[in-house]
Amino acid sequence: MQLADLHINIKKALKEGNIDSFSIDSTLILCHALNINKLTLITRGDMDISPEDEKTVLSFLERRLRHEPMQYIMGKAEFMGLDFEVDKSTLIPRGDTENIVEFALETIKEKGYTTLLDMCTGSGAIAVSCVKYSGVKATACDISEKALLKAEINARKNNTPVEFVKSDIFSNIKNKYDIIISNPPYIKREEIPTLMEDVKNYEPLSALDGGENGLFFYEEITKKAPSHLNKGGCLLYEIGYDQRREVENILQKNGFKDIGSFKDLAGLDRGVYGYL
């Protein structure tokens, strides 16, 4: 089969399989499976595809039709212009979280911060990006050993020195930091079954489940954060679009000042912060 015909078939199958991003995904599947770039896909439609390569393409197609995220199929995701390896042990880094990193980078520069803790690091995207673009000294922790192994790979891949610690919240964290950042699990437990299949069936439940009210980790982290923040330090969270007031109240109850929030590019509440 020629490349152009295969492309048409893949796109049609995805569309009929109710994959909304069928056009983009068909391109990604072919480029990844055949190790070609988009230009080749466009200009070399007459290229013959071997039965072995066609079989690889079809295996990726089958996975996507089961709503497995493209990032897991490809084994990578882009975040802050950097490449991160991902698998089912880590949450896929999302563009919304770039808003958190950008705010952190501005704050690190403005306040002259030199140390950072990334709580619930997952793939390591926040810590690695902050080190890459600010030079801050970072520690990152997670309760998942598999996630930490992937995060370590990503730190090496992006040439960023990060200390990784297995820790249930602050259980193994001994030092104090200038800024603590966290994108914790914040989905209400009862809402998880209603999430998109791509998310609920593939991304790790432990990275999604924020307890009955979605606030468990905000409450636990905020309560213990003052013991691990330097004076004048910042606690910065990613939040769900409807959690701003509740998270701000949690920070206020635990002695944080100058509490504020910011929105993402869609105009939804995305980040909450406070200073010690």
C-alpha atoms as a PDB file:
ATOM      1  CA  MET A   1       0.000   0.000   0.000  1.00  0.00           C
ATOM      2  CA  GLN A   2       1.163   3.544  -0.692  1.00  0.00           C
ATOM      3  CA  LEU A   3       1.536   6.146   2.038  1.00  0.00           C
ATOM      4  CA  ALA A   4      -1.270   8.418   0.789  1.00  0.00           C
ATOM      5  CA  ASP A   5      -3.775   5.554   0.701  1.00  0.00           C
ATOM      6  CA  LEU A   6      -2.768   4.397   4.163  1.00  0.00           C
ATOM      7  CA  HIS A   7      -3.179   7.942   5.461  1.00  0.00           C
ATOM      8  CA  ILE A   8      -6.709   8.150   4.050  1.00  0.00           C
ATOM      9  CA  ASN A   9      -7.620   4.787   5.588  1.00  0.00           C
ATOM     10  CA  ILE A  10      -6.261   5.679   9.025  1.00  0.00           C
ATOM     11  CA  LYS A  11      -8.020   9.042   9.084  1.00  0.00           C
ATOM     12  CA  LYS A  12     -11.316   7.454   8.008  1.00  0.00           C
ATOM     13  CA  ALA A  13     -11.068   4.718  10.641  1.00  0.00           C
ATOM     14  CA  LEU A  14     -10.406   7.258  13.398  1.00  0.00           C
ATOM     15  CA  LYS A  15     -13.283   9.472  12.284  1.00  0.00           C
ATOM     16  CA  GLU A  16     -15.665   6.528  12.171  1.00  0.00           C
ATOM     17  CA  GLY A  17     -14.361   5.509  15.598  1.00  0.00           C
ATOM     18  CA  ASN A  18     -15.525   8.881  16.997  1.00  0.00           C
ATOM     19  CA  ILE A  19     -12.009  10.150  17.696  1.00  0.00           C
ATOM     20  CA  ASP A  20     -12.491  13.916  17.561  1.00  0.00           C
ATOM     21  CA  SER A  21      -8.830  14.585  16.821  1.00  0.00           C
ATOM     22  CA  PHE A  22      -8.824  12.089  13.924  1.00  0.00           C
ATOM     23  CA  SER A  23      -6.942  14.359  11.516  1.00  0.00           C
ATOM     24  CA  ILE A  24      -4.084  15.208  13.892  1.00  0.00           C
ATOM     25  CA  ASP A  25      -3.927  11.665  15.283  1.00  0.00           C
ATOM     26  CA  SER A  26      -3.697  10.053  11.852  1.00  0.00           C
ATOM     27  CA  THR A  27      -0.660  12.217  11.129  1.00  0.00           C
ATOM     28  CA  LEU A  28       0.926  11.420  14.489  1.00  0.00           C
ATOM     29  CA  ILE A  29       0.343   7.682  14.119  1.00  0.00           C
ATOM     30  CA  LEU A  30       1.937   7.536  10.675  1.00  0.00           C
ATOM     31  CA  CYS A  31       4.888   9.777  11.524  1.00  0.00           C
ATOM     32  CA  HIS A  32       5.642   7.853  14.716  1.00  0.00           C
ATOM     33  CA  ALA A  33       5.105   4.356  13.315  1.00  0.00           C
ATOM     34  CA  LEU A  34       7.078   4.989  10.120  1.00  0.00           C
ATOM     35  CA  ASN A  35       9.685   7.312  11.680  1.00  0.00           C
ATOM     36  CA  ILE A  36       8.991  10.060   9.126  1.00  0.00           C
ATOM     37  CA  ASN A  37       8.218  13.771   9.453  1.00  0.00           C
ATOM     38  CA  LYS A  38       5.115  15.650   8.377  1.00  0.00           C
ATOM     39  CA  LEU A  39       6.809  16.956   5.224  1.00  0.00           C
ATOM     40  CA  THR A  40       7.489  13.408   4.042  1.00  0.00           C
ATOM     41  CA  LEU A  41       3.893  12.493   4.782  1.00  0.00           C
ATOM     42  CA  ILE A  42       2.684  15.355   2.589  1.00  0.00           C
ATOM     43  CA  THR A  43       5.157  15.082  -0.302  1.00  0.00           C
ATOM     44  CA  ARG A  44       5.817  11.334  -0.550  1.00  0.00           C
ATOM     45  CA  GLY A  45       2.306   9.969  -0.878  1.00  0.00           C
ATOM     46  CA  ASP A  46       3.525   7.525  -3.526  1.00  0.00           C
ATOM     47  CA  MET A  47       5.957   5.863  -1.099  1.00  0.00           C
ATOM     48  CA  ASP A  48       5.341   2.126  -0.753  1.00  0.00           C
ATOM     49  CA  ILE A  49       4.715   0.893   2.781  1.00  0.00           C
ATOM     50  CA  SER A  50       6.015  -2.556   3.671  1.00  0.00           C
ATOM     51  CA  PRO A  51       3.644  -5.116   5.247  1.00  0.00           C
ATOM     52  CA  GLU A  52       5.708  -4.949   8.471  1.00  0.00           C
ATOM     53  CA  ASP A  53       5.373  -1.154   8.708  1.00  0.00           C
ATOM     54  CA  GLU A  54       1.691  -1.333   7.846  1.00  0.00           C
ATOM     55  CA  LYS A  55       1.215  -3.818  10.677  1.00  0.00           C
ATOM     56  CA  THR A  56       2.880  -1.369  13.091  1.00  0.00           C
ATOM     57  CA  VAL A  57       0.632   1.449  11.906  1.00  0.00           C
ATOM     58  CA  LEU A  58      -2.471  -0.686  12.378  1.00  0.00           C
ATOM     59  CA  SER A  59      -1.406  -1.692  15.891  1.00  0.00           C
ATOM     60  CA  PHE A  60      -1.156   1.998  16.842  1.00  0.00           C
ATOM     61  CA  LEU A  61      -4.536   2.621  15.204  1.00  0.00           C
ATOM     62  CA  GLU A  62      -6.154  -0.130  17.268  1.00  0.00           C
ATOM     63  CA  ARG A  63      -4.777   1.373  20.469  1.00  0.00           C
ATOM     64  CA  ARG A  64      -6.090   4.832  19.577  1.00  0.00           C
ATOM     65  CA  LEU A  65      -9.505   3.421  18.693  1.00  0.00           C
ATOM     66  CA  ARG A  66      -9.603   2.079  22.273  1.00  0.00           C
ATOM     67  CA  HIS A  67      -9.086   5.723  23.315  1.00  0.00           C
ATOM     68  CA  GLU A  68      -5.542   5.255  24.551  1.00  0.00           C
ATOM     69  CA  PRO A  69      -3.955   8.742  24.555  1.00  0.00           C
ATOM     70  CA  MET A  70      -1.566   9.469  21.698  1.00  0.00           C
ATOM     71  CA  GLN A  71       1.114  10.464  24.219  1.00  0.00           C
ATOM     72  CA  TYR A  72       1.128   6.941  25.670  1.00  0.00           C
ATOM     73  CA  ILE A  73       1.133   5.377  22.216  1.00  0.00           C
ATOM     74  CA  MET A  74       4.153   7.491  21.239  1.00  0.00           C
ATOM     75  CA  GLY A  75       5.720   7.277  24.697  1.00  0.00           C
ATOM     76  CA  LYS A  76       6.342  11.000  24.849  1.00  0.00           C
ATOM     77  CA  ALA A  77       4.755  14.393  25.381  1.00  0.00           C
ATOM     78  CA  GLU A  78       5.913  17.955  24.790  1.00  0.00           C
ATOM     79  CA  PHE A  79       5.810  20.437  27.656  1.00  0.00           C
ATOM     80  CA  MET A  80       7.342  23.917  27.831  1.00  0.00           C
ATOM     81  CA  GLY A  81       9.164  23.176  24.567  1.00  0.00           C
ATOM     82  CA  LEU A  82      10.851  20.120  26.098  1.00  0.00           C
ATOM     83  CA  ASP A  83      10.344  16.406  25.398  1.00  0.00           C
ATOM     84  CA  PHE A  84       9.213  14.134  28.224  1.00  0.00           C
ATOM     85  CA  GLU A  85       8.896  10.375  28.246  1.00  0.00           C
ATOM     86  CA  VAL A  86       5.514   9.254  29.569  1.00  0.00           C
ATOM     87  CA  ASP A  87       3.768   5.976  30.240  1.00  0.00           C
ATOM     88  CA  LYS A  88       0.785   4.812  32.259  1.00  0.00           C
ATOM     89  CA  SER A  89       2.670   5.393  35.519  1.00  0.00           C
ATOM     90  CA  THR A  90       2.535   9.171  35.025  1.00  0.00           C
ATOM     91  CA  LEU A  91      -0.079  11.787  34.306  1.00  0.00           C
ATOM     92  CA  ILE A  92       0.379  13.283  30.839  1.00  0.00           C
ATOM     93  CA  PRO A  93       1.801  16.827  31.177  1.00  0.00           C
ATOM     94  CA  ARG A  94      -0.736  19.288  29.823  1.00  0.00           C
ATOM     95  CA  GLY A  95      -0.613  22.762  28.367  1.00  0.00           C
ATOM     96  CA  ASP A  96      -2.694  24.088  31.288  1.00  0.00           C
ATOM     97  CA  THR A  97       0.164  23.270  33.644  1.00  0.00           C
ATOM     98  CA  GLU A  98       2.508  25.454  31.583  1.00  0.00           C
ATOM     99  CA  ASN A  99       0.647  28.399  33.144  1.00  0.00           C
ATOM    100  CA  ILE A 100       1.830  27.208  36.563  1.00  0.00           C
ATOM    101  CA  VAL A 101       5.443  26.891  35.411  1.00  0.00           C
ATOM    102  CA  GLU A 102       5.396  30.308  33.745  1.00  0.00           C
ATOM    103  CA  PHE A 103       4.085  31.905  36.944  1.00  0.00           C
ATOM    104  CA  ALA A 104       6.736  30.049  38.945  1.00  0.00           C
ATOM    105  CA  LEU A 105       9.529  31.248  36.652  1.00  0.00           C
ATOM    106  CA  GLU A 106       8.381  34.852  36.996  1.00  0.00           C
ATOM    107  CA  THR A 107       8.186  34.513  40.776  1.00  0.00           C
ATOM    108  CA  ILE A 108      11.605  32.832  41.047  1.00  0.00           C
ATOM    109  CA  LYS A 109      13.157  35.682  39.086  1.00  0.00           C
ATOM    110  CA  GLU A 110      11.277  38.451  40.891  1.00  0.00           C
ATOM    111  CA  LYS A 111      11.893  37.107  44.402  1.00  0.00           C
ATOM    112  CA  GLY A 112      15.396  35.774  43.807  1.00  0.00           C
ATOM    113  CA  TYR A 113      14.391  32.273  44.892  1.00  0.00           C
ATOM    114  CA  THR A 114      17.073  29.600  44.637  1.00  0.00           C
ATOM    115  CA  THR A 115      15.396  26.402  45.921  1.00  0.00           C
ATOM    116  CA  LEU A 116      12.237  24.612  44.816  1.00  0.00           C
ATOM    117  CA  LEU A 117      10.197  21.561  45.813  1.00  0.00           C
ATOM    118  CA  ASP A 118       7.868  19.947  43.264  1.00  0.00           C
ATOM    119  CA  MET A 119       5.282  17.928  45.190  1.00  0.00           C
ATOM    120  CA  CYS A 120       3.502  15.064  43.326  1.00  0.00           C
ATOM    121  CA  THR A 121       5.981  15.411  40.466  1.00  0.00           C
ATOM    122  CA  GLY A 122       4.721  12.607  38.189  1.00  0.00           C
ATOM    123  CA  SER A 123       6.747  12.814  34.966  1.00  0.00           C
ATOM    124  CA  GLY A 124       8.918  15.542  36.497  1.00  0.00           C
ATOM    125  CA  ALA A 125       7.639  18.134  34.025  1.00  0.00           C
ATOM    126  CA  ILE A 126       7.328  21.027  36.505  1.00  0.00           C
ATOM    127  CA  ALA A 127      10.671  20.523  38.259  1.00  0.00           C
ATOM    128  CA  VAL A 128      12.624  19.842  35.064  1.00  0.00           C
ATOM    129  CA  SER A 129      11.137  22.876  33.295  1.00  0.00           C
ATOM    130  CA  CYS A 130      11.830  25.192  36.233  1.00  0.00           C
ATOM    131  CA  VAL A 131      15.449  24.030  36.455  1.00  0.00           C
ATOM    132  CA  LYS A 132      15.912  24.272  32.691  1.00  0.00           C
ATOM    133  CA  TYR A 133      14.659  27.841  32.444  1.00  0.00           C
ATOM    134  CA  SER A 134      15.710  29.360  35.777  1.00  0.00           C
ATOM    135  CA  GLY A 135      18.638  27.345  37.116  1.00  0.00           C
ATOM    136  CA  VAL A 136      16.862  26.925  40.457  1.00  0.00           C
ATOM    137  CA  LYS A 137      17.995  24.027  42.686  1.00  0.00           C
ATOM    138  CA  ALA A 138      15.086  21.565  42.698  1.00  0.00           C
ATOM    139  CA  THR A 139      13.847  18.580  44.654  1.00  0.00           C
ATOM    140  CA  ALA A 140      10.895  16.580  43.350  1.00  0.00           C
ATOM    141  CA  CYS A 141       8.884  13.976  45.204  1.00  0.00           C
ATOM    142  CA  ASP A 142       6.155  11.455  44.504  1.00  0.00           C
ATOM    143  CA  ILE A 143       4.706   8.418  46.243  1.00  0.00           C
ATOM    144  CA  SER A 144       5.008   6.323  43.055  1.00  0.00           C
ATOM    145  CA  GLU A 145       8.351   4.625  42.443  1.00  0.00           C
ATOM    146  CA  LYS A 146       7.462   4.051  38.792  1.00  0.00           C
ATOM    147  CA  ALA A 147       6.688   7.727  38.296  1.00  0.00           C
ATOM    148  CA  LEU A 148       9.982   8.704  39.938  1.00  0.00           C
ATOM    149  CA  LEU A 149      11.925   6.403  37.628  1.00  0.00           C
ATOM    150  CA  LYS A 150      10.308   8.080  34.626  1.00  0.00           C
ATOM    151  CA  ALA A 151      10.950  11.534  36.103  1.00  0.00           C
ATOM    152  CA  GLU A 152      14.636  10.686  36.596  1.00  0.00           C
ATOM    153  CA  ILE A 153      14.872   9.674  32.938  1.00  0.00           C
ATOM    154  CA  ASN A 154      13.300  12.986  31.928  1.00  0.00           C
ATOM    155  CA  ALA A 155      15.705  14.977  34.068  1.00  0.00           C
ATOM    156  CA  ARG A 156      18.689  13.252  32.464  1.00  0.00           C
ATOM    157  CA  LYS A 157      17.183  13.582  29.002  1.00  0.00           C
ATOM    158  CA  ASN A 158      16.827  17.336  29.434  1.00  0.00           C
ATOM    159  CA  ASN A 159      20.187  17.733  31.178  1.00  0.00           C
ATOM    160  CA  THR A 160      18.644  19.144  34.354  1.00  0.00           C
ATOM    161  CA  PRO A 161      19.935  18.205  37.836  1.00  0.00           C
ATOM    162  CA  VAL A 162      16.943  17.370  40.058  1.00  0.00           C
ATOM    163  CA  GLU A 163      16.964  15.471  43.354  1.00  0.00           C
ATOM    164  CA  PHE A 164      14.170  12.891  43.443  1.00  0.00           C
ATOM    165  CA  VAL A 165      12.684  11.591  46.688  1.00  0.00           C
ATOM    166  CA  LYS A 166      10.022   8.960  47.285  1.00  0.00           C
ATOM    167  CA  SER A 167       7.685  10.592  49.756  1.00  0.00           C
ATOM    168  CA  ASP A 168       4.062  10.464  50.854  1.00  0.00           C
ATOM    169  CA  ILE A 169       3.541  14.225  50.838  1.00  0.00           C
ATOM    170  CA  PHE A 170       6.215  15.510  53.285  1.00  0.00           C
ATOM    171  CA  SER A 171       7.018  12.203  55.010  1.00  0.00           C
ATOM    172  CA  ASN A 172      10.587  12.043  53.633  1.00  0.00           C
ATOM    173  CA  ILE A 173      11.167  15.754  53.029  1.00  0.00           C
ATOM    174  CA  LYS A 174      13.604  17.263  55.539  1.00  0.00           C
ATOM    175  CA  ASN A 175      14.683  20.608  54.040  1.00  0.00           C
ATOM    176  CA  LYS A 176      13.110  24.022  53.594  1.00  0.00           C
ATOM    177  CA  TYR A 177      12.560  25.660  50.206  1.00  0.00           C
ATOM    178  CA  ASP A 178      11.849  29.063  48.728  1.00  0.00           C
ATOM    179  CA  ILE A 179       8.951  27.817  46.630  1.00  0.00           C
ATOM    180  CA  ILE A 180       6.799  24.687  46.781  1.00  0.00           C
ATOM    181  CA  ILE A 181       4.821  23.837  43.652  1.00  0.00           C
ATOM    182  CA  SER A 182       2.219  21.135  43.331  1.00  0.00           C
ATOM    183  CA  ASN A 183      -0.188  19.869  40.715  1.00  0.00           C
ATOM    184  CA  PRO A 184      -1.834  17.370  43.056  1.00  0.00           C
ATOM    185  CA  PRO A 185      -4.693  14.962  42.348  1.00  0.00           C
ATOM    186  CA  TYR A 186      -7.792  17.173  42.493  1.00  0.00           C
ATOM    187  CA  ILE A 187     -10.682  15.345  40.821  1.00  0.00           C
ATOM    188  CA  LYS A 188     -13.610  14.551  43.106  1.00  0.00           C
ATOM    189  CA  ARG A 189     -13.789  10.783  43.521  1.00  0.00           C
ATOM    190  CA  GLU A 190     -17.408  10.589  42.373  1.00  0.00           C
ATOM    191  CA  GLU A 191     -16.564  12.475  39.160  1.00  0.00           C
ATOM    192  CA  ILE A 192     -13.828  10.102  37.974  1.00  0.00           C
ATOM    193  CA  PRO A 193     -16.261   7.710  36.209  1.00  0.00           C
ATOM    194  CA  THR A 194     -17.565  10.689  34.190  1.00  0.00           C
ATOM    195  CA  LEU A 195     -14.155  11.657  32.787  1.00  0.00           C
ATOM    196  CA  MET A 196     -13.213  11.074  29.151  1.00  0.00           C
ATOM    197  CA  GLU A 197     -12.265   7.477  28.346  1.00  0.00           C
ATOM    198  CA  ASP A 198      -8.762   8.667  27.388  1.00  0.00           C
ATOM    199  CA  VAL A 199      -8.275   9.832  30.975  1.00  0.00           C
ATOM    200  CA  LYS A 200     -10.226   7.493  33.252  1.00  0.00           C
ATOM    201  CA  ASN A 201      -9.182   4.276  31.491  1.00  0.00           C
ATOM    202  CA  TYR A 202      -5.489   5.021  31.045  1.00  0.00           C
ATOM    203  CA  GLU A 203      -4.045   7.728  33.299  1.00  0.00           C
ATOM    204  CA  PRO A 204      -3.081   6.620  36.835  1.00  0.00           C
ATOM    205  CA  LEU A 205      -5.967   6.842  39.285  1.00  0.00           C
ATOM    206  CA  SER A 206      -3.595   7.906  42.053  1.00  0.00           C
ATOM    207  CA  ALA A 207      -2.760  11.045  40.030  1.00  0.00           C
ATOM    208  CA  LEU A 208      -6.441  11.936  39.588  1.00  0.00           C
ATOM    209  CA  ASP A 209      -8.259  11.071  42.824  1.00  0.00           C
ATOM    210  CA  GLY A 210      -8.416  14.093  45.119  1.00  0.00           C
ATOM    211  CA  GLY A 211     -10.712  12.440  47.642  1.00  0.00           C
ATOM    212  CA  GLU A 212     -14.418  12.949  48.195  1.00  0.00           C
ATOM    213  CA  ASN A 213     -14.329  16.725  47.761  1.00  0.00           C
ATOM    214  CA  GLY A 214     -11.237  16.952  45.529  1.00  0.00           C
ATOM    215  CA  LEU A 215      -9.420  18.968  48.195  1.00  0.00           C
ATOM    216  CA  PHE A 216      -7.642  16.273  50.215  1.00  0.00           C
ATOM    217  CA  PHE A 217      -4.142  17.020  48.943  1.00  0.00           C
ATOM    218  CA  TYR A 218      -4.547  20.796  49.116  1.00  0.00           C
ATOM    219  CA  GLU A 219      -5.508  20.477  52.761  1.00  0.00           C
ATOM    220  CA  GLU A 220      -2.721  18.046  53.670  1.00  0.00           C
ATOM    221  CA  ILE A 221       0.050  19.825  51.766  1.00  0.00           C
ATOM    222  CA  THR A 222      -0.959  23.315  52.932  1.00  0.00           C
ATOM    223  CA  LYS A 223      -1.130  22.219  56.580  1.00  0.00           C
ATOM    224  CA  LYS A 224       2.463  20.945  56.503  1.00  0.00           C
ATOM    225  CA  ALA A 225       4.018  23.336  53.984  1.00  0.00           C
ATOM    226  CA  PRO A 226       4.924  26.122  56.476  1.00  0.00           C
ATOM    227  CA  SER A 227       7.434  23.762  58.136  1.00  0.00           C
ATOM    228  CA  HIS A 228       9.166  23.323  54.769  1.00  0.00           C
ATOM    229  CA  LEU A 229       9.099  26.892  53.441  1.00  0.00           C
ATOM    230  CA  ASN A 230      11.616  29.622  54.088  1.00  0.00           C
ATOM    231  CA  LYS A 231      10.269  32.949  55.367  1.00  0.00           C
ATOM    232  CA  GLY A 232       8.765  34.836  52.453  1.00  0.00           C
ATOM    233  CA  GLY A 233       8.436  31.589  50.523  1.00  0.00           C
ATOM    234  CA  CYS A 234       5.653  30.784  48.084  1.00  0.00           C
ATOM    235  CA  LEU A 235       3.200  27.883  47.900  1.00  0.00           C
ATOM    236  CA  LEU A 236       1.844  27.495  44.364  1.00  0.00           C
ATOM    237  CA  TYR A 237      -0.902  25.125  43.206  1.00  0.00           C
ATOM    238  CA  GLU A 238      -2.564  24.074  40.010  1.00  0.00           C
ATOM    239  CA  ILE A 239      -6.301  23.833  40.665  1.00  0.00           C
ATOM    240  CA  GLY A 240      -9.485  22.675  38.989  1.00  0.00           C
ATOM    241  CA  TYR A 241     -11.521  25.415  37.314  1.00  0.00           C
ATOM    242  CA  ASP A 242     -14.082  25.505  40.171  1.00  0.00           C
ATOM    243  CA  GLN A 243     -11.742  25.228  43.184  1.00  0.00           C
ATOM    244  CA  ARG A 244     -10.252  28.712  43.508  1.00  0.00           C
ATOM    245  CA  ARG A 245     -12.207  29.986  46.511  1.00  0.00           C
ATOM    246  CA  GLU A 246     -11.889  26.733  48.435  1.00  0.00           C
ATOM    247  CA  VAL A 247      -8.117  26.498  47.904  1.00  0.00           C
ATOM    248  CA  GLU A 248      -7.633  30.176  48.733  1.00  0.00           C
ATOM    249  CA  ASN A 249      -9.524  29.590  51.998  1.00  0.00           C
ATOM    250  CA  ILE A 250      -7.295  26.614  52.812  1.00  0.00           C
ATOM    251  CA  LEU A 251      -4.183  28.782  52.364  1.00  0.00           C
ATOM    252  CA  GLN A 252      -5.673  31.567  54.480  1.00  0.00           C
ATOM    253  CA  LYS A 253      -6.566  29.185  57.319  1.00  0.00           C
ATOM    254  CA  ASN A 254      -2.967  27.955  57.397  1.00  0.00           C
ATOM    255  CA  GLY A 255      -1.367  31.368  57.761  1.00  0.00           C
ATOM    256  CA  PHE A 256      -0.523  32.261  54.167  1.00  0.00           C
ATOM    257  CA  LYS A 257      -0.665  35.900  53.064  1.00  0.00           C
ATOM    258  CA  ASP A 258      -0.890  37.851  49.802  1.00  0.00           C
ATOM    259  CA  ILE A 259      -3.021  35.028  48.428  1.00  0.00           C
ATOM    260  CA  GLY A 260      -3.912  35.297  44.766  1.00  0.00           C
ATOM    261  CA  SER A 261      -4.918  33.385  41.670  1.00  0.00           C
ATOM    262  CA  PHE A 262      -4.546  33.433  37.899  1.00  0.00           C
ATOM    263  CA  LYS A 263      -6.335  32.028  34.876  1.00  0.00           C
ATOM    264  CA  ASP A 264      -5.316  29.850  31.955  1.00  0.00           C
ATOM    265  CA  LEU A 265      -5.575  30.780  28.281  1.00  0.00           C
ATOM    266  CA  ALA A 266      -9.205  29.660  28.233  1.00  0.00           C
ATOM    267  CA  GLY A 267     -10.019  32.179  30.967  1.00  0.00           C
ATOM    268  CA  LEU A 268     -10.574  29.506  33.621  1.00  0.00           C
ATOM    269  CA  ASP A 269      -9.099  29.641  37.125  1.00  0.00           C
ATOM    270  CA  ARG A 270      -5.927  27.540  36.989  1.00  0.00           C
ATOM    271  CA  GLY A 271      -3.504  28.582  39.733  1.00  0.00           C
ATOM    272  CA  VAL A 272      -3.619  29.689  43.379  1.00  0.00           C
ATOM    273  CA  TYR A 273      -0.641  30.931  45.391  1.00  0.00           C
ATOM    274  CA  GLY A 274       0.214  32.394  48.771  1.00  0.00           C
ATOM    275  CA  TYR A 275       3.287  33.565  50.685  1.00  0.00           C
ATOM    276  CA  LEU A 276       4.496  32.680  54.143  1.00  0.00           C
END
